[in-house]
């Protein structure tokens, strides 16, 4: 068996990182997507979907062993992924996210969250992760939202402006600002 990278399309390549986009409905990608879900189930207690992957797109983050010298397919090592419903009535931009334990604390979760919002921006929509979030997911997203919002906050910035810039929902922005103690109710 000759190892190769994920069977999808390479959509991002920078330094030693690559992202592959996979369609759970494509026959040549379906088994790989199902296996990603089964792998995630080992680490995520609340993971439920692992067989019917056809309504989902998968984005697999890989580290490249030697991006300069070797054939790309021979040096790709998956380190994490997120899945996203193709058609979400609630504009969820992420259904499940997982970074393998040996690769955590490298910023890959933040990278994948950021990618999910970039995809939303390119579609011209604002999005949010599928709710309810797990305990760890909530902490991770609160940290991510807070950092992104604070980097763009000025005295004249509105929630609508932030929503357009970041592709975050107004509710997620408002909740984050409230949690940070930066939002006050107007006096009557």
N, C-alpha and C. Protein backbone atom coordinates (compact mmCIF):
# COMPACT_ATOMS: atom_id res chain seq x y z
N UNK A 1 0.85 -1.17 0.00
CA UNK A 1 0.00 0.00 0.00
C UNK A 1 0.89 1.24 0.00
N UNK A 2 0.74 2.06 -1.01
CA UNK A 2 1.52 3.29 -1.10
C UNK A 2 0.72 4.42 -0.47
N UNK A 3 1.27 5.04 0.55
CA UNK A 3 0.58 6.12 1.24
C UNK A 3 0.47 7.33 0.33
N UNK A 4 -0.68 7.99 0.38
CA UNK A 4 -0.84 9.26 -0.33
C UNK A 4 -1.69 10.19 0.52
N UNK A 5 -1.75 11.43 0.11
CA UNK A 5 -2.52 12.42 0.84
C UNK A 5 -4.01 12.21 0.66
N UNK A 6 -4.82 13.06 1.27
CA UNK A 6 -6.28 12.96 1.15
C UNK A 6 -6.70 12.99 -0.33
N UNK A 7 -7.78 12.30 -0.68
CA UNK A 7 -8.18 12.18 -2.08
C UNK A 7 -8.87 13.40 -2.67
N UNK A 8 -9.00 14.48 -1.94
CA UNK A 8 -9.71 15.67 -2.43
C UNK A 8 -8.82 16.63 -3.18
N UNK A 9 -9.32 17.84 -3.34
CA UNK A 9 -8.60 18.90 -4.05
C UNK A 9 -7.75 19.70 -3.08
N UNK A 10 -6.53 19.97 -3.48
CA UNK A 10 -5.65 20.82 -2.70
C UNK A 10 -6.13 22.26 -2.87
N UNK A 11 -6.54 22.92 -1.76
CA UNK A 11 -7.06 24.29 -1.86
C UNK A 11 -6.15 25.31 -1.17
N UNK A 12 -5.16 24.83 -0.42
CA UNK A 12 -4.28 25.75 0.30
C UNK A 12 -2.92 25.08 0.44
N UNK A 13 -1.88 25.83 0.14
CA UNK A 13 -0.51 25.33 0.30
C UNK A 13 0.36 26.52 0.67
N UNK A 14 0.95 26.46 1.87
CA UNK A 14 1.81 27.54 2.33
C UNK A 14 2.83 26.95 3.29
N UNK A 15 4.10 27.03 2.92
CA UNK A 15 5.14 26.47 3.78
C UNK A 15 4.95 24.98 3.95
N UNK A 16 4.84 24.55 5.20
CA UNK A 16 4.67 23.12 5.46
C UNK A 16 3.22 22.74 5.76
N UNK A 17 2.25 23.59 5.38
CA UNK A 17 0.83 23.29 5.62
C UNK A 17 0.07 23.21 4.30
N UNK A 18 -0.83 22.26 4.25
CA UNK A 18 -1.71 22.10 3.09
C UNK A 18 -3.11 21.79 3.59
N UNK A 19 -4.12 22.23 2.85
CA UNK A 19 -5.51 21.92 3.17
C UNK A 19 -6.13 21.30 1.93
N UNK A 20 -6.81 20.18 2.15
CA UNK A 20 -7.52 19.47 1.09
C UNK A 20 -9.02 19.58 1.35
N UNK A 21 -9.78 19.82 0.30
CA UNK A 21 -11.23 19.88 0.37
C UNK A 21 -11.78 18.56 -0.18
N UNK A 22 -12.63 17.91 0.61
CA UNK A 22 -13.22 16.64 0.21
C UNK A 22 -14.73 16.75 0.27
N UNK A 23 -15.39 16.09 -0.65
CA UNK A 23 -16.85 16.06 -0.72
C UNK A 23 -17.31 14.68 -0.27
N UNK A 24 -18.07 14.64 0.82
CA UNK A 24 -18.55 13.37 1.36
C UNK A 24 -19.44 12.58 0.42
N UNK A 25 -19.90 13.21 -0.64
CA UNK A 25 -20.77 12.53 -1.60
C UNK A 25 -19.99 11.86 -2.73
N UNK A 26 -18.76 12.32 -2.98
CA UNK A 26 -17.95 11.74 -4.06
C UNK A 26 -17.53 10.32 -3.69
N UNK A 27 -17.75 9.40 -4.58
CA UNK A 27 -17.45 7.99 -4.29
C UNK A 27 -15.99 7.77 -3.91
N UNK A 28 -15.07 8.44 -4.59
CA UNK A 28 -13.66 8.23 -4.29
C UNK A 28 -13.21 8.91 -3.00
N UNK A 29 -14.08 9.71 -2.36
CA UNK A 29 -13.74 10.44 -1.15
C UNK A 29 -14.58 10.02 0.06
N UNK A 30 -15.68 9.32 -0.19
CA UNK A 30 -16.64 8.98 0.86
C UNK A 30 -16.02 8.15 1.99
N UNK A 31 -15.30 7.10 1.65
CA UNK A 31 -14.71 6.24 2.67
C UNK A 31 -13.69 7.02 3.52
N UNK A 32 -12.90 7.86 2.88
CA UNK A 32 -11.94 8.68 3.61
C UNK A 32 -12.67 9.58 4.61
N UNK A 33 -13.77 10.21 4.17
CA UNK A 33 -14.55 11.08 5.05
C UNK A 33 -15.18 10.30 6.21
N UNK A 34 -15.69 9.11 5.92
CA UNK A 34 -16.24 8.27 6.99
C UNK A 34 -15.16 7.91 8.00
N UNK A 35 -13.97 7.61 7.50
CA UNK A 35 -12.87 7.28 8.41
C UNK A 35 -12.44 8.48 9.25
N UNK A 36 -12.50 9.69 8.67
CA UNK A 36 -12.22 10.89 9.47
C UNK A 36 -13.21 11.00 10.62
N UNK A 37 -14.49 10.75 10.33
CA UNK A 37 -15.52 10.83 11.37
C UNK A 37 -15.32 9.78 12.45
N UNK A 38 -14.96 8.58 12.04
CA UNK A 38 -14.70 7.52 13.02
C UNK A 38 -13.48 7.87 13.88
N UNK A 39 -12.47 8.43 13.26
CA UNK A 39 -11.29 8.88 14.01
C UNK A 39 -11.69 9.96 15.02
N UNK A 40 -12.50 10.91 14.59
CA UNK A 40 -12.96 11.98 15.48
C UNK A 40 -13.76 11.42 16.64
N UNK A 41 -14.53 10.37 16.40
CA UNK A 41 -15.35 9.76 17.44
C UNK A 41 -14.49 9.24 18.59
N UNK A 42 -13.24 8.88 18.31
CA UNK A 42 -12.33 8.42 19.36
C UNK A 42 -12.01 9.52 20.36
N UNK A 43 -12.07 10.78 19.90
CA UNK A 43 -11.65 11.90 20.74
C UNK A 43 -12.78 12.82 21.14
N UNK A 44 -13.92 12.73 20.46
CA UNK A 44 -15.03 13.63 20.73
C UNK A 44 -16.25 12.82 21.18
N UNK A 45 -16.62 12.96 22.45
CA UNK A 45 -17.73 12.19 23.01
C UNK A 45 -19.05 12.45 22.30
N UNK A 46 -19.27 13.67 21.86
CA UNK A 46 -20.55 14.06 21.29
C UNK A 46 -20.66 13.80 19.79
N UNK A 47 -19.62 13.26 19.18
CA UNK A 47 -19.62 13.00 17.73
C UNK A 47 -20.64 11.91 17.42
N UNK A 48 -21.59 12.22 16.50
CA UNK A 48 -22.64 11.25 16.19
C UNK A 48 -22.64 10.80 14.74
N UNK A 49 -22.37 11.71 13.80
CA UNK A 49 -22.45 11.34 12.39
C UNK A 49 -21.12 10.78 11.92
N UNK A 50 -21.17 9.58 11.38
CA UNK A 50 -19.95 9.00 10.84
C UNK A 50 -20.20 8.13 9.61
N UNK A 51 -21.44 7.83 9.33
CA UNK A 51 -21.71 6.98 8.17
C UNK A 51 -22.23 7.79 6.99
N UNK A 52 -23.28 8.59 7.20
CA UNK A 52 -23.84 9.37 6.11
C UNK A 52 -23.10 10.71 6.02
N UNK A 53 -22.06 10.73 5.23
CA UNK A 53 -21.23 11.92 5.11
C UNK A 53 -21.56 12.72 3.85
N UNK A 54 -22.51 12.26 3.07
CA UNK A 54 -22.80 12.92 1.78
C UNK A 54 -23.25 14.38 1.91
N UNK A 55 -23.93 14.82 2.99
CA UNK A 55 -24.31 16.24 3.05
C UNK A 55 -23.18 17.17 3.50
N UNK A 56 -21.96 16.65 3.66
CA UNK A 56 -20.87 17.43 4.24
C UNK A 56 -19.68 17.60 3.31
N UNK A 57 -19.01 18.73 3.49
CA UNK A 57 -17.69 18.97 2.92
C UNK A 57 -16.70 18.81 4.07
N UNK A 58 -15.52 18.32 3.76
CA UNK A 58 -14.48 18.12 4.77
C UNK A 58 -13.24 18.89 4.33
N UNK A 59 -12.58 19.52 5.30
CA UNK A 59 -11.37 20.28 5.04
C UNK A 59 -10.29 19.70 5.94
N UNK A 60 -9.32 19.03 5.31
CA UNK A 60 -8.29 18.29 6.04
C UNK A 60 -6.99 19.09 6.02
N UNK A 61 -6.52 19.43 7.21
CA UNK A 61 -5.26 20.15 7.37
C UNK A 61 -4.13 19.12 7.48
N UNK A 62 -3.08 19.33 6.69
CA UNK A 62 -1.95 18.40 6.68
C UNK A 62 -0.64 19.15 6.87
N UNK A 63 0.27 18.50 7.56
CA UNK A 63 1.65 18.98 7.61
C UNK A 63 2.41 18.29 6.49
N UNK A 64 3.33 19.02 5.88
CA UNK A 64 4.16 18.46 4.82
C UNK A 64 5.53 18.18 5.39
N UNK A 65 5.99 16.97 5.14
CA UNK A 65 7.28 16.54 5.67
C UNK A 65 8.43 17.33 5.05
N UNK A 66 8.46 17.39 3.73
CA UNK A 66 9.51 18.12 3.01
C UNK A 66 8.89 18.75 1.77
N UNK A 67 8.27 19.94 1.94
CA UNK A 67 7.54 20.53 0.83
C UNK A 67 8.41 20.89 -0.37
N UNK A 68 9.71 20.99 -0.18
CA UNK A 68 10.60 21.38 -1.28
C UNK A 68 11.03 20.20 -2.13
N UNK A 69 11.45 19.11 -1.48
CA UNK A 69 12.14 18.07 -2.23
C UNK A 69 11.33 16.90 -2.75
N UNK A 70 10.29 16.47 -2.05
CA UNK A 70 9.62 15.22 -2.40
C UNK A 70 8.34 15.46 -3.19
N UNK A 71 7.81 14.37 -3.72
CA UNK A 71 6.50 14.39 -4.36
C UNK A 71 5.46 14.71 -3.28
N UNK A 72 4.57 15.67 -3.55
CA UNK A 72 3.63 16.16 -2.55
C UNK A 72 2.83 15.03 -1.91
N UNK A 73 2.34 14.07 -2.70
CA UNK A 73 1.51 12.99 -2.15
C UNK A 73 2.26 12.08 -1.19
N UNK A 74 3.58 12.07 -1.25
CA UNK A 74 4.35 11.15 -0.40
C UNK A 74 4.77 11.77 0.93
N UNK A 75 4.53 13.06 1.12
CA UNK A 75 5.02 13.71 2.34
C UNK A 75 3.90 14.39 3.13
N UNK A 76 2.64 13.98 2.90
CA UNK A 76 1.48 14.62 3.52
C UNK A 76 1.04 13.84 4.76
N UNK A 77 0.89 14.56 5.88
CA UNK A 77 0.47 13.92 7.13
C UNK A 77 -0.73 14.68 7.69
N UNK A 78 -1.95 14.09 7.65
CA UNK A 78 -3.12 14.77 8.22
C UNK A 78 -2.95 15.03 9.72
N UNK A 79 -3.31 16.25 10.15
CA UNK A 79 -3.19 16.62 11.56
C UNK A 79 -4.52 17.06 12.17
N UNK A 80 -5.51 17.35 11.32
CA UNK A 80 -6.81 17.78 11.81
C UNK A 80 -7.75 18.04 10.66
N UNK A 81 -9.01 18.31 11.00
CA UNK A 81 -10.00 18.58 9.96
C UNK A 81 -11.20 19.29 10.57
N UNK A 82 -12.03 19.84 9.68
CA UNK A 82 -13.37 20.23 10.09
C UNK A 82 -14.31 19.85 8.98
N UNK A 83 -15.57 19.63 9.37
CA UNK A 83 -16.61 19.33 8.39
C UNK A 83 -17.63 20.47 8.42
N UNK A 84 -18.32 20.59 7.29
CA UNK A 84 -19.27 21.68 7.12
C UNK A 84 -20.42 21.17 6.27
N UNK A 85 -21.65 21.43 6.73
CA UNK A 85 -22.81 21.07 5.92
C UNK A 85 -22.79 21.85 4.60
N UNK A 86 -23.12 21.18 3.51
CA UNK A 86 -23.17 21.86 2.21
C UNK A 86 -24.28 22.89 2.18
N UNK A 87 -25.43 22.55 2.74
CA UNK A 87 -26.56 23.47 2.80
C UNK A 87 -27.08 23.50 4.23
N UNK A 88 -26.81 24.60 4.89
CA UNK A 88 -27.23 24.75 6.28
C UNK A 88 -28.27 25.86 6.37
N UNK A 89 -29.45 25.53 6.82
CA UNK A 89 -30.52 26.52 6.97
C UNK A 89 -30.13 27.60 7.99
N UNK A 90 -29.26 27.24 8.94
CA UNK A 90 -28.84 28.17 9.99
C UNK A 90 -27.50 28.83 9.70
N UNK A 91 -26.98 28.66 8.48
CA UNK A 91 -25.68 29.21 8.08
C UNK A 91 -24.54 28.74 8.99
N UNK A 92 -24.61 27.48 9.41
CA UNK A 92 -23.49 26.93 10.17
C UNK A 92 -22.31 26.77 9.22
N UNK A 93 -21.15 27.29 9.63
CA UNK A 93 -19.97 27.18 8.78
C UNK A 93 -19.02 26.08 9.25
N UNK A 94 -19.40 25.38 10.31
CA UNK A 94 -18.58 24.30 10.82
C UNK A 94 -19.47 23.37 11.63
N UNK A 95 -19.38 22.06 11.33
CA UNK A 95 -20.18 21.08 12.06
C UNK A 95 -19.34 20.36 13.11
N UNK A 96 -18.13 19.99 12.73
CA UNK A 96 -17.25 19.24 13.64
C UNK A 96 -15.82 19.67 13.35
N UNK A 97 -15.04 19.81 14.40
CA UNK A 97 -13.63 20.16 14.24
C UNK A 97 -12.81 19.27 15.16
N UNK A 98 -11.66 18.82 14.67
CA UNK A 98 -10.79 17.98 15.49
C UNK A 98 -9.35 18.17 15.05
N UNK A 99 -8.47 18.34 16.01
CA UNK A 99 -7.04 18.32 15.77
C UNK A 99 -6.50 17.14 16.57
N UNK A 100 -5.72 16.30 15.93
CA UNK A 100 -5.19 15.12 16.61
C UNK A 100 -4.35 15.54 17.81
N UNK A 101 -4.45 14.81 18.92
CA UNK A 101 -3.75 15.20 20.16
C UNK A 101 -2.27 15.54 20.01
N UNK A 102 -1.47 14.79 19.23
CA UNK A 102 -0.04 15.18 19.14
C UNK A 102 0.19 16.52 18.44
N UNK A 103 -0.84 17.04 17.78
CA UNK A 103 -0.68 18.28 17.01
C UNK A 103 -1.45 19.45 17.63
N UNK A 104 -2.00 19.25 18.82
CA UNK A 104 -2.70 20.34 19.48
C UNK A 104 -1.68 21.33 20.06
N UNK A 105 -2.15 22.52 20.33
CA UNK A 105 -1.32 23.61 20.85
C UNK A 105 -0.30 24.11 19.83
N UNK A 106 -0.62 23.93 18.56
CA UNK A 106 0.22 24.47 17.49
C UNK A 106 -0.53 25.56 16.71
N UNK A 107 -1.74 25.89 17.17
CA UNK A 107 -2.54 26.90 16.49
C UNK A 107 -3.38 26.35 15.35
N UNK A 108 -3.43 25.03 15.20
CA UNK A 108 -4.17 24.44 14.09
C UNK A 108 -5.68 24.57 14.25
N UNK A 109 -6.18 24.50 15.48
CA UNK A 109 -7.62 24.70 15.70
C UNK A 109 -8.04 26.10 15.28
N UNK A 110 -7.27 27.08 15.68
CA UNK A 110 -7.53 28.47 15.31
C UNK A 110 -7.45 28.64 13.78
N UNK A 111 -6.46 27.99 13.17
CA UNK A 111 -6.32 28.04 11.72
C UNK A 111 -7.57 27.47 11.03
N UNK A 112 -8.06 26.33 11.51
CA UNK A 112 -9.25 25.71 10.90
C UNK A 112 -10.50 26.56 11.13
N UNK A 113 -10.64 27.16 12.32
CA UNK A 113 -11.77 28.06 12.57
C UNK A 113 -11.72 29.24 11.61
N UNK A 114 -10.54 29.81 11.47
CA UNK A 114 -10.36 30.95 10.58
C UNK A 114 -10.69 30.57 9.14
N UNK A 115 -10.29 29.40 8.71
CA UNK A 115 -10.60 28.92 7.36
C UNK A 115 -12.11 28.79 7.17
N UNK A 116 -12.81 28.30 8.18
CA UNK A 116 -14.27 28.15 8.04
C UNK A 116 -14.94 29.51 7.84
N UNK A 117 -14.44 30.54 8.51
CA UNK A 117 -15.00 31.89 8.32
C UNK A 117 -14.57 32.49 6.98
N UNK A 118 -13.37 32.19 6.54
CA UNK A 118 -12.93 32.68 5.23
C UNK A 118 -13.82 32.09 4.13
N UNK A 119 -14.17 30.82 4.26
CA UNK A 119 -15.08 30.21 3.28
C UNK A 119 -16.44 30.89 3.31
N UNK A 120 -16.92 31.24 4.50
CA UNK A 120 -18.19 31.97 4.62
C UNK A 120 -18.10 33.34 3.95
N UNK A 121 -17.00 34.05 4.22
CA UNK A 121 -16.80 35.38 3.61
C UNK A 121 -16.85 35.28 2.09
N UNK A 122 -16.19 34.28 1.55
CA UNK A 122 -16.15 34.11 0.09
C UNK A 122 -17.52 33.76 -0.48
N UNK A 123 -18.38 33.17 0.34
CA UNK A 123 -19.75 32.87 -0.09
C UNK A 123 -20.67 34.06 0.15
N UNK A 124 -20.17 35.10 0.79
CA UNK A 124 -20.96 36.29 1.06
C UNK A 124 -21.98 36.11 2.17
N UNK A 125 -21.71 35.22 3.12
CA UNK A 125 -22.63 34.99 4.23
C UNK A 125 -21.89 35.14 5.56
N UNK A 126 -22.65 35.36 6.61
CA UNK A 126 -22.08 35.30 7.96
C UNK A 126 -22.42 33.92 8.51
N UNK A 127 -21.54 33.38 9.31
CA UNK A 127 -21.75 32.02 9.79
C UNK A 127 -21.43 31.88 11.25
N UNK A 128 -21.65 30.67 11.72
CA UNK A 128 -21.40 30.33 13.11
C UNK A 128 -21.22 28.82 13.18
N UNK A 129 -20.48 28.32 14.16
CA UNK A 129 -20.38 26.87 14.30
C UNK A 129 -21.72 26.28 14.75
N UNK A 130 -21.90 25.02 14.43
CA UNK A 130 -23.13 24.33 14.82
C UNK A 130 -23.24 24.33 16.35
N UNK A 131 -24.43 24.64 16.82
CA UNK A 131 -24.68 24.73 18.26
C UNK A 131 -25.52 23.52 18.70
N UNK A 132 -25.47 23.10 19.93
CA UNK A 132 -24.63 23.63 21.00
C UNK A 132 -23.18 23.17 20.84
N UNK A 133 -22.28 24.02 21.30
CA UNK A 133 -20.86 23.68 21.27
C UNK A 133 -20.52 22.80 22.46
N UNK A 134 -19.53 21.94 22.30
CA UNK A 134 -19.02 21.17 23.43
C UNK A 134 -18.34 22.15 24.39
N UNK A 135 -18.01 21.70 25.58
CA UNK A 135 -17.33 22.56 26.55
C UNK A 135 -16.00 23.08 26.00
N UNK A 136 -15.21 22.18 25.43
CA UNK A 136 -13.92 22.58 24.85
C UNK A 136 -14.13 23.45 23.62
N UNK A 137 -15.14 23.14 22.81
CA UNK A 137 -15.44 23.95 21.64
C UNK A 137 -15.83 25.37 22.02
N UNK A 138 -16.64 25.51 23.07
CA UNK A 138 -17.07 26.83 23.53
C UNK A 138 -15.87 27.67 23.98
N UNK A 139 -14.99 27.08 24.77
CA UNK A 139 -13.80 27.79 25.24
C UNK A 139 -12.92 28.20 24.05
N UNK A 140 -12.74 27.30 23.11
CA UNK A 140 -11.90 27.59 21.95
C UNK A 140 -12.50 28.70 21.10
N UNK A 141 -13.80 28.63 20.85
CA UNK A 141 -14.45 29.66 20.05
C UNK A 141 -14.48 31.00 20.76
N UNK A 142 -14.73 31.00 22.07
CA UNK A 142 -14.73 32.28 22.79
C UNK A 142 -13.37 32.96 22.68
N UNK A 143 -12.32 32.19 22.80
CA UNK A 143 -10.96 32.73 22.67
C UNK A 143 -10.74 33.25 21.24
N UNK A 144 -11.15 32.45 20.25
CA UNK A 144 -10.99 32.84 18.84
C UNK A 144 -11.78 34.10 18.52
N UNK A 145 -13.08 34.12 18.88
CA UNK A 145 -13.91 35.30 18.61
C UNK A 145 -13.34 36.54 19.29
N UNK A 146 -12.95 36.39 20.57
CA UNK A 146 -12.41 37.53 21.31
C UNK A 146 -11.19 38.12 20.64
N UNK A 147 -10.25 37.28 20.24
CA UNK A 147 -9.02 37.74 19.60
C UNK A 147 -9.33 38.46 18.28
N UNK A 148 -10.17 37.85 17.45
CA UNK A 148 -10.48 38.44 16.15
C UNK A 148 -11.24 39.77 16.29
N UNK A 149 -12.17 39.82 17.21
CA UNK A 149 -12.95 41.05 17.42
C UNK A 149 -12.07 42.16 17.96
N UNK A 150 -11.26 41.86 18.97
CA UNK A 150 -10.41 42.89 19.59
C UNK A 150 -9.39 43.46 18.60
N UNK A 151 -8.95 42.66 17.64
CA UNK A 151 -7.99 43.15 16.64
C UNK A 151 -8.63 44.19 15.70
N UNK A 152 -9.94 44.20 15.58
CA UNK A 152 -10.61 45.10 14.65
C UNK A 152 -11.47 46.17 15.33
N UNK A 153 -11.45 46.18 16.64
CA UNK A 153 -12.32 47.08 17.39
C UNK A 153 -11.74 48.49 17.46
N UNK A 154 -12.57 49.47 17.13
CA UNK A 154 -12.23 50.88 17.28
C UNK A 154 -13.40 51.54 18.01
N UNK A 155 -13.24 52.78 18.48
CA UNK A 155 -14.34 53.44 19.18
C UNK A 155 -15.61 53.60 18.34
N UNK A 156 -15.48 53.59 17.03
CA UNK A 156 -16.66 53.79 16.17
C UNK A 156 -17.15 52.50 15.51
N UNK A 157 -16.54 51.39 15.81
CA UNK A 157 -16.93 50.12 15.19
C UNK A 157 -18.30 49.67 15.70
N UNK A 158 -19.14 49.22 14.77
CA UNK A 158 -20.45 48.68 15.15
C UNK A 158 -20.44 47.16 15.02
N UNK A 159 -21.42 46.53 15.63
CA UNK A 159 -21.55 45.08 15.53
C UNK A 159 -21.79 44.68 14.07
N UNK A 160 -22.59 45.47 13.35
CA UNK A 160 -22.84 45.17 11.94
C UNK A 160 -21.55 45.24 11.11
N UNK A 161 -20.72 46.22 11.39
CA UNK A 161 -19.44 46.34 10.67
C UNK A 161 -18.55 45.14 10.96
N UNK A 162 -18.45 44.78 12.22
CA UNK A 162 -17.66 43.60 12.59
C UNK A 162 -18.21 42.34 11.92
N UNK A 163 -19.51 42.21 11.89
CA UNK A 163 -20.14 41.04 11.28
C UNK A 163 -19.77 40.94 9.80
N UNK A 164 -19.82 42.06 9.10
CA UNK A 164 -19.46 42.05 7.67
C UNK A 164 -17.97 41.75 7.47
N UNK A 165 -17.12 42.34 8.30
CA UNK A 165 -15.67 42.14 8.17
C UNK A 165 -15.24 40.71 8.49
N UNK A 166 -15.82 40.16 9.55
CA UNK A 166 -15.36 38.88 10.07
C UNK A 166 -16.20 37.68 9.62
N UNK A 167 -17.39 37.95 9.09
CA UNK A 167 -18.36 36.89 8.73
C UNK A 167 -18.86 36.15 9.98
N UNK A 168 -18.77 36.80 11.16
CA UNK A 168 -19.32 36.27 12.40
C UNK A 168 -20.78 36.72 12.48
N UNK A 169 -21.62 35.93 13.13
CA UNK A 169 -22.99 36.38 13.34
C UNK A 169 -23.00 37.51 14.38
N UNK A 170 -23.99 38.37 14.28
CA UNK A 170 -24.12 39.47 15.25
C UNK A 170 -24.29 38.92 16.66
N UNK A 171 -25.00 37.80 16.80
CA UNK A 171 -25.19 37.19 18.13
C UNK A 171 -23.86 36.74 18.73
N UNK A 172 -23.00 36.10 17.92
CA UNK A 172 -21.69 35.66 18.43
C UNK A 172 -20.83 36.85 18.83
N UNK A 173 -20.90 37.94 18.06
CA UNK A 173 -20.13 39.14 18.40
C UNK A 173 -20.66 39.77 19.69
N UNK A 174 -21.98 39.90 19.78
CA UNK A 174 -22.58 40.50 20.97
C UNK A 174 -22.28 39.66 22.21
N UNK A 175 -22.42 38.35 22.11
CA UNK A 175 -22.12 37.48 23.26
C UNK A 175 -20.66 37.61 23.69
N UNK A 176 -19.76 37.70 22.71
CA UNK A 176 -18.33 37.82 23.02
C UNK A 176 -18.04 39.15 23.71
N UNK A 177 -18.58 40.23 23.17
CA UNK A 177 -18.36 41.55 23.78
C UNK A 177 -18.95 41.62 25.18
N UNK A 178 -20.10 41.00 25.38
CA UNK A 178 -20.71 40.97 26.71
C UNK A 178 -19.84 40.17 27.68
N UNK A 179 -19.35 39.03 27.23
CA UNK A 179 -18.50 38.18 28.07
C UNK A 179 -17.22 38.91 28.45
N UNK A 180 -16.72 39.75 27.55
CA UNK A 180 -15.50 40.51 27.83
C UNK A 180 -15.76 41.79 28.62
N UNK A 181 -17.04 42.05 28.92
CA UNK A 181 -17.40 43.25 29.68
C UNK A 181 -17.25 44.52 28.88
N UNK A 182 -17.42 44.42 27.58
CA UNK A 182 -17.21 45.59 26.70
C UNK A 182 -18.51 46.08 26.05
N UNK A 183 -19.61 45.54 26.49
CA UNK A 183 -20.89 45.93 25.90
C UNK A 183 -21.82 46.39 27.01
N UNK A 184 -22.38 47.55 26.83
CA UNK A 184 -23.30 48.08 27.83
C UNK A 184 -24.65 48.33 27.18
N UNK A 185 -25.70 48.17 27.95
CA UNK A 185 -27.04 48.47 27.48
C UNK A 185 -27.23 49.98 27.49
N UNK A 186 -27.86 50.52 26.46
CA UNK A 186 -28.13 51.95 26.42
C UNK A 186 -29.15 52.30 27.49
N UNK A 187 -28.97 53.46 28.09
CA UNK A 187 -29.91 53.93 29.12
C UNK A 187 -31.20 54.36 28.45
N UNK A 188 -32.33 54.14 29.15
CA UNK A 188 -33.65 54.52 28.58
C UNK A 188 -33.87 55.99 28.66
